[in-house]
N, C-alpha and C. Protein backbone atom coordinates (compact mmCIF):
# COMPACT_ATOMS: atom_id res chain seq x y z
N MET A 1 0.78 -1.23 0.05
CA MET A 1 0.06 -0.11 -0.04
C MET A 1 1.05 1.20 -0.13
N ASN A 2 0.68 1.86 -0.87
CA ASN A 2 1.45 3.26 -1.22
C ASN A 2 0.77 4.66 -0.56
N VAL A 3 1.26 5.05 0.55
CA VAL A 3 0.59 6.24 1.24
C VAL A 3 1.37 7.56 0.84
N ASN A 4 0.35 8.43 0.40
CA ASN A 4 1.15 9.80 -0.08
C ASN A 4 0.35 10.69 0.59
N ILE A 5 0.95 11.80 1.49
CA ILE A 5 0.40 12.74 2.12
C ILE A 5 0.76 14.11 1.57
N GLN A 6 -0.23 14.96 1.39
CA GLN A 6 0.23 16.27 0.46
C GLN A 6 -0.30 17.28 1.32
N THR A 7 0.22 18.48 1.54
CA THR A 7 -0.09 19.66 2.19
C THR A 7 -0.35 20.62 1.07
N VAL A 8 -1.55 21.47 1.19
CA VAL A 8 -1.77 22.72 0.30
C VAL A 8 -1.85 24.00 1.04
N HIS A 9 -0.72 24.74 1.07
CA HIS A 9 -0.49 26.33 1.72
C HIS A 9 -0.14 26.10 3.00
N PHE A 10 0.52 24.94 3.41
CA PHE A 10 0.69 25.25 4.61
C PHE A 10 1.85 23.81 4.93
N ASP A 11 2.61 23.62 5.96
CA ASP A 11 3.59 22.50 6.25
C ASP A 11 3.22 21.93 7.54
N ALA A 12 2.69 20.69 7.37
CA ALA A 12 2.08 19.77 8.47
C ALA A 12 3.16 19.50 9.30
N ASP A 13 2.85 19.57 10.71
CA ASP A 13 3.85 19.06 11.74
C ASP A 13 3.95 17.68 11.72
N ILE A 14 5.11 17.23 12.25
CA ILE A 14 5.36 15.54 12.40
C ILE A 14 4.28 14.91 13.02
N LYS A 15 3.76 15.63 14.18
CA LYS A 15 2.53 14.92 14.93
C LYS A 15 1.39 14.61 13.95
N LEU A 16 1.09 15.40 13.39
CA LEU A 16 -0.10 15.35 12.38
C LEU A 16 0.13 14.26 11.24
N VAL A 17 1.25 14.23 10.95
CA VAL A 17 1.64 13.44 9.67
C VAL A 17 1.77 11.97 10.21
N SER A 18 2.13 11.79 11.40
CA SER A 18 2.34 10.46 12.20
C SER A 18 1.12 9.92 12.44
N TYR A 19 0.15 10.76 12.78
CA TYR A 19 -1.13 10.36 13.36
C TYR A 19 -2.09 10.08 12.03
N ILE A 20 -1.81 10.63 10.87
CA ILE A 20 -2.50 10.20 9.69
C ILE A 20 -1.95 8.86 9.27
N GLU A 21 -0.60 8.77 9.45
CA GLU A 21 0.13 7.58 8.94
C GLU A 21 -0.41 6.44 9.66
N LYS A 22 -0.62 6.49 10.95
CA LYS A 22 -1.06 5.36 11.92
C LYS A 22 -2.40 5.01 11.63
N LYS A 23 -3.56 6.04 11.46
CA LYS A 23 -4.72 5.62 10.81
C LYS A 23 -4.96 5.11 9.67
N VAL A 24 -4.05 5.28 8.59
CA VAL A 24 -4.22 5.07 7.26
C VAL A 24 -3.77 3.51 7.29
N SER A 25 -2.78 3.48 8.20
CA SER A 25 -2.07 1.85 8.04
C SER A 25 -3.39 0.73 8.54
N LYS A 26 -4.14 1.10 9.29
CA LYS A 26 -5.23 0.16 9.76
C LYS A 26 -6.26 -0.09 8.64
N LEU A 27 -6.27 0.83 7.45
CA LEU A 27 -7.11 0.54 6.36
C LEU A 27 -6.95 -1.00 5.86
N SER A 28 -6.00 -1.58 5.88
CA SER A 28 -5.78 -2.71 5.25
C SER A 28 -6.62 -3.77 5.84
N GLN A 29 -7.14 -3.45 6.88
CA GLN A 29 -7.78 -4.66 7.49
C GLN A 29 -9.43 -4.52 7.11
N PHE A 30 -9.74 -3.53 6.35
CA PHE A 30 -11.08 -3.47 5.60
C PHE A 30 -11.34 -3.81 4.17
N HIS A 31 -9.78 -3.77 3.65
CA HIS A 31 -9.80 -4.40 2.19
C HIS A 31 -8.27 -4.54 1.82
N GLU A 32 -8.17 -5.65 1.41
CA GLU A 32 -6.68 -6.19 1.44
C GLU A 32 -6.15 -5.92 0.14
N ARG A 33 -6.83 -5.21 -0.70
CA ARG A 33 -6.16 -4.79 -2.12
C ARG A 33 -6.13 -3.39 -2.51
N ILE A 34 -5.86 -2.82 -1.34
CA ILE A 34 -5.41 -1.28 -1.52
C ILE A 34 -4.29 -1.09 -2.06
N THR A 35 -4.29 -0.30 -3.18
CA THR A 35 -2.55 -0.10 -3.94
C THR A 35 -2.12 1.13 -3.51
N LYS A 36 -3.12 2.30 -3.45
CA LYS A 36 -2.62 3.76 -3.12
C LYS A 36 -3.75 4.17 -2.30
N VAL A 37 -3.14 4.84 -1.33
CA VAL A 37 -3.83 6.14 -0.40
C VAL A 37 -3.29 7.55 -0.76
N ASP A 38 -4.02 8.29 -1.04
CA ASP A 38 -3.56 9.91 -1.20
C ASP A 38 -4.36 10.60 -0.05
N VAL A 39 -3.51 11.60 0.62
CA VAL A 39 -4.46 12.22 1.69
C VAL A 39 -4.04 13.79 1.29
N TYR A 40 -4.78 14.41 1.05
CA TYR A 40 -4.62 15.87 0.74
C TYR A 40 -5.17 16.84 2.06
N LEU A 41 -4.32 17.67 2.80
CA LEU A 41 -4.87 18.53 3.72
C LEU A 41 -4.59 19.73 3.40
N LYS A 42 -5.97 20.67 3.49
CA LYS A 42 -5.92 22.18 2.99
C LYS A 42 -6.33 22.95 3.85
N LEU A 43 -6.13 24.34 3.95
CA LEU A 43 -6.68 25.17 4.52
C LEU A 43 -7.64 26.07 3.68
N ASP A 44 -9.13 25.92 3.96
CA ASP A 44 -10.04 26.59 3.26
C ASP A 44 -10.42 27.87 3.54
N ASN A 45 -10.21 28.82 2.83
CA ASN A 45 -10.49 30.10 3.30
C ASN A 45 -11.70 30.34 2.99
N VAL A 46 -12.57 30.72 4.13
CA VAL A 46 -13.68 31.33 4.09
C VAL A 46 -13.87 32.71 3.90
N VAL A 47 -14.93 33.37 3.58
CA VAL A 47 -15.01 34.84 3.38
C VAL A 47 -14.37 35.66 4.50
N HIS A 48 -14.55 35.05 5.70
CA HIS A 48 -13.73 35.72 7.00
C HIS A 48 -12.59 35.22 6.95
N ASN A 49 -12.06 35.60 8.44
CA ASN A 49 -10.69 34.97 8.36
C ASN A 49 -10.55 33.62 9.22
N ILE A 50 -11.74 32.99 9.35
CA ILE A 50 -11.99 31.74 9.95
C ILE A 50 -11.50 30.75 8.73
N LYS A 51 -10.72 29.73 9.16
CA LYS A 51 -9.97 28.96 8.14
C LYS A 51 -10.54 27.58 8.57
N ASP A 52 -11.14 26.83 7.63
CA ASP A 52 -11.74 25.60 7.72
C ASP A 52 -10.44 24.37 7.30
N LYS A 53 -10.45 23.39 8.18
CA LYS A 53 -9.37 22.61 7.71
C LYS A 53 -10.08 21.60 6.84
N VAL A 54 -9.57 21.20 5.86
CA VAL A 54 -10.18 20.28 4.79
C VAL A 54 -9.13 18.84 4.59
N ALA A 55 -10.02 18.03 4.74
CA ALA A 55 -9.17 16.67 4.77
C ALA A 55 -9.76 15.79 3.58
N GLU A 56 -9.04 15.48 2.35
CA GLU A 56 -9.61 14.62 1.53
C GLU A 56 -8.64 13.32 1.18
N ILE A 57 -9.53 12.33 1.27
CA ILE A 57 -8.96 10.84 0.96
C ILE A 57 -9.14 10.26 -0.20
N LYS A 58 -8.06 9.65 -0.92
CA LYS A 58 -8.46 8.98 -2.22
C LYS A 58 -7.97 7.75 -2.01
N ILE A 59 -8.73 6.72 -2.30
CA ILE A 59 -8.18 5.23 -2.30
C ILE A 59 -8.43 4.56 -3.36
N LEU A 60 -7.36 3.94 -3.99
CA LEU A 60 -7.31 3.15 -5.21
C LEU A 60 -7.23 1.69 -4.70
N ILE A 61 -8.20 1.03 -5.30
CA ILE A 61 -8.21 -0.57 -5.41
C ILE A 61 -8.29 -1.04 -6.85
N PRO A 62 -8.15 -2.03 -7.26
CA PRO A 62 -8.17 -2.50 -8.75
C PRO A 62 -9.56 -2.29 -9.19
N ARG A 63 -9.73 -1.70 -10.16
CA ARG A 63 -11.07 -1.48 -10.94
C ARG A 63 -11.93 -0.60 -10.12
N HIS A 64 -11.53 0.21 -8.79
CA HIS A 64 -12.40 0.98 -8.14
C HIS A 64 -11.41 2.29 -7.57
N GLU A 65 -12.26 3.54 -7.28
CA GLU A 65 -11.39 4.26 -6.65
C GLU A 65 -12.85 5.29 -5.74
N PHE A 66 -12.14 5.19 -4.57
CA PHE A 66 -12.78 6.03 -3.48
C PHE A 66 -12.40 7.52 -3.20
N PHE A 67 -13.30 8.33 -2.89
CA PHE A 67 -12.96 9.85 -2.85
C PHE A 67 -13.79 10.26 -1.63
N VAL A 68 -13.10 10.78 -0.56
CA VAL A 68 -14.13 11.51 0.49
C VAL A 68 -13.34 12.86 0.73
N LYS A 69 -14.31 13.96 1.03
CA LYS A 69 -13.87 15.12 1.40
C LYS A 69 -14.20 15.81 2.64
N GLN A 70 -13.86 16.10 3.64
CA GLN A 70 -14.49 16.71 4.68
C GLN A 70 -13.93 17.86 5.49
N SER A 71 -14.54 18.35 5.98
CA SER A 71 -13.88 19.91 6.84
C SER A 71 -14.40 20.19 8.12
N SER A 72 -13.65 20.60 8.91
CA SER A 72 -14.07 21.16 10.10
C SER A 72 -13.14 22.00 10.86
N LYS A 73 -12.98 22.22 12.33
CA LYS A 73 -12.05 23.38 12.62
C LYS A 73 -10.82 22.60 12.92
N SER A 74 -10.55 21.18 12.86
CA SER A 74 -9.23 20.86 12.96
C SER A 74 -8.84 19.61 12.07
N PHE A 75 -7.73 19.37 11.71
CA PHE A 75 -7.43 18.51 10.67
C PHE A 75 -7.66 17.01 11.19
N GLU A 76 -7.32 16.71 12.56
CA GLU A 76 -7.63 15.52 13.02
C GLU A 76 -9.19 15.27 12.96
N GLU A 77 -9.78 16.21 13.18
CA GLU A 77 -11.38 15.73 13.25
C GLU A 77 -11.88 15.69 11.46
N SER A 78 -11.57 16.44 10.99
CA SER A 78 -11.78 16.38 9.35
C SER A 78 -11.25 14.92 8.89
N PHE A 79 -10.03 14.69 9.18
CA PHE A 79 -9.34 13.46 8.59
C PHE A 79 -10.20 11.94 9.20
N ASP A 80 -10.73 12.10 10.64
CA ASP A 80 -11.34 11.26 11.32
C ASP A 80 -12.71 10.85 10.68
N SER A 81 -13.33 12.05 10.32
CA SER A 81 -14.70 11.77 9.81
C SER A 81 -14.74 11.30 8.23
N ALA A 82 -13.58 11.69 7.33
CA ALA A 82 -13.27 11.35 6.17
C ALA A 82 -12.95 9.80 6.22
N LEU A 83 -12.25 9.37 7.32
CA LEU A 83 -11.82 8.03 7.27
C LEU A 83 -13.02 7.10 7.44
N GLU A 84 -13.87 7.46 8.43
CA GLU A 84 -15.00 6.72 8.66
C GLU A 84 -15.84 6.65 7.58
N SER A 85 -16.20 7.78 6.97
CA SER A 85 -16.76 7.54 5.59
C SER A 85 -16.26 6.71 4.58
N ILE A 86 -14.93 6.69 4.39
CA ILE A 86 -14.16 5.72 3.28
C ILE A 86 -14.24 4.32 3.64
N ILE A 87 -14.26 4.11 4.93
CA ILE A 87 -14.00 2.86 5.37
C ILE A 87 -15.67 2.26 5.36
N THR A 88 -16.54 2.94 5.51
CA THR A 88 -18.15 2.68 4.92
C THR A 88 -17.99 2.25 3.46
N GLN A 89 -17.17 3.07 2.81
CA GLN A 89 -17.58 2.80 1.25
C GLN A 89 -16.51 1.64 1.04
N LEU A 90 -15.32 1.24 1.49
CA LEU A 90 -14.68 -0.15 1.41
C LEU A 90 -15.59 -1.24 1.80
N LYS A 91 -16.22 -1.19 3.04
CA LYS A 91 -16.81 -2.36 3.43
C LYS A 91 -17.99 -2.56 2.28
N ARG A 92 -18.70 -1.65 2.13
CA ARG A 92 -19.78 -1.79 1.17
C ARG A 92 -19.39 -2.48 -0.26
N GLN A 93 -18.04 -2.08 -0.67
CA GLN A 93 -17.59 -2.51 -2.03
C GLN A 93 -17.18 -3.92 -1.61
N LYS A 94 -16.88 -4.51 -0.58
CA LYS A 94 -16.13 -5.61 -0.13
C LYS A 94 -17.57 -6.73 -0.04
N GLU A 95 -18.72 -6.08 0.17
CA GLU A 95 -19.72 -6.88 0.65
C GLU A 95 -20.35 -7.28 -0.98
N LYS A 96 -20.32 -6.18 -1.71
CA LYS A 96 -20.54 -6.46 -3.00
C LYS A 96 -20.01 -7.55 -4.02
N GLN A 97 -18.60 -7.51 -3.66
CA GLN A 97 -17.69 -8.61 -4.09
C GLN A 97 -17.98 -10.00 -3.89
N ALA A 98 -18.29 -9.76 -2.38
CA ALA A 98 -18.39 -11.26 -1.83
C ALA A 98 -20.04 -11.92 -2.20
N ALA A 99 -20.86 -10.86 -2.57
CA ALA A 99 -22.19 -11.42 -2.85
C ALA A 99 -22.12 -11.93 -4.65
């Protein structure tokens, strides 16, 4: 499984990167054929100075691609909700394959 973490308009600290890598490593228990995981972290500028933290996760498995985008006030929160959503998609896909 190839994991790629990209940040847009800022540099992520090592704590955030290791948090994401730890969580992503657990994805293999939901689907064994994951080939690539892309995580994009962005600062979304709203009209005011309040910046939403956006996390996007893209997962590739043979013949399928999953994509989730979530935003909140912290990267951890955005990433966690995106991860939950993508895990649901992976489980659903695996059930379809088994049927």
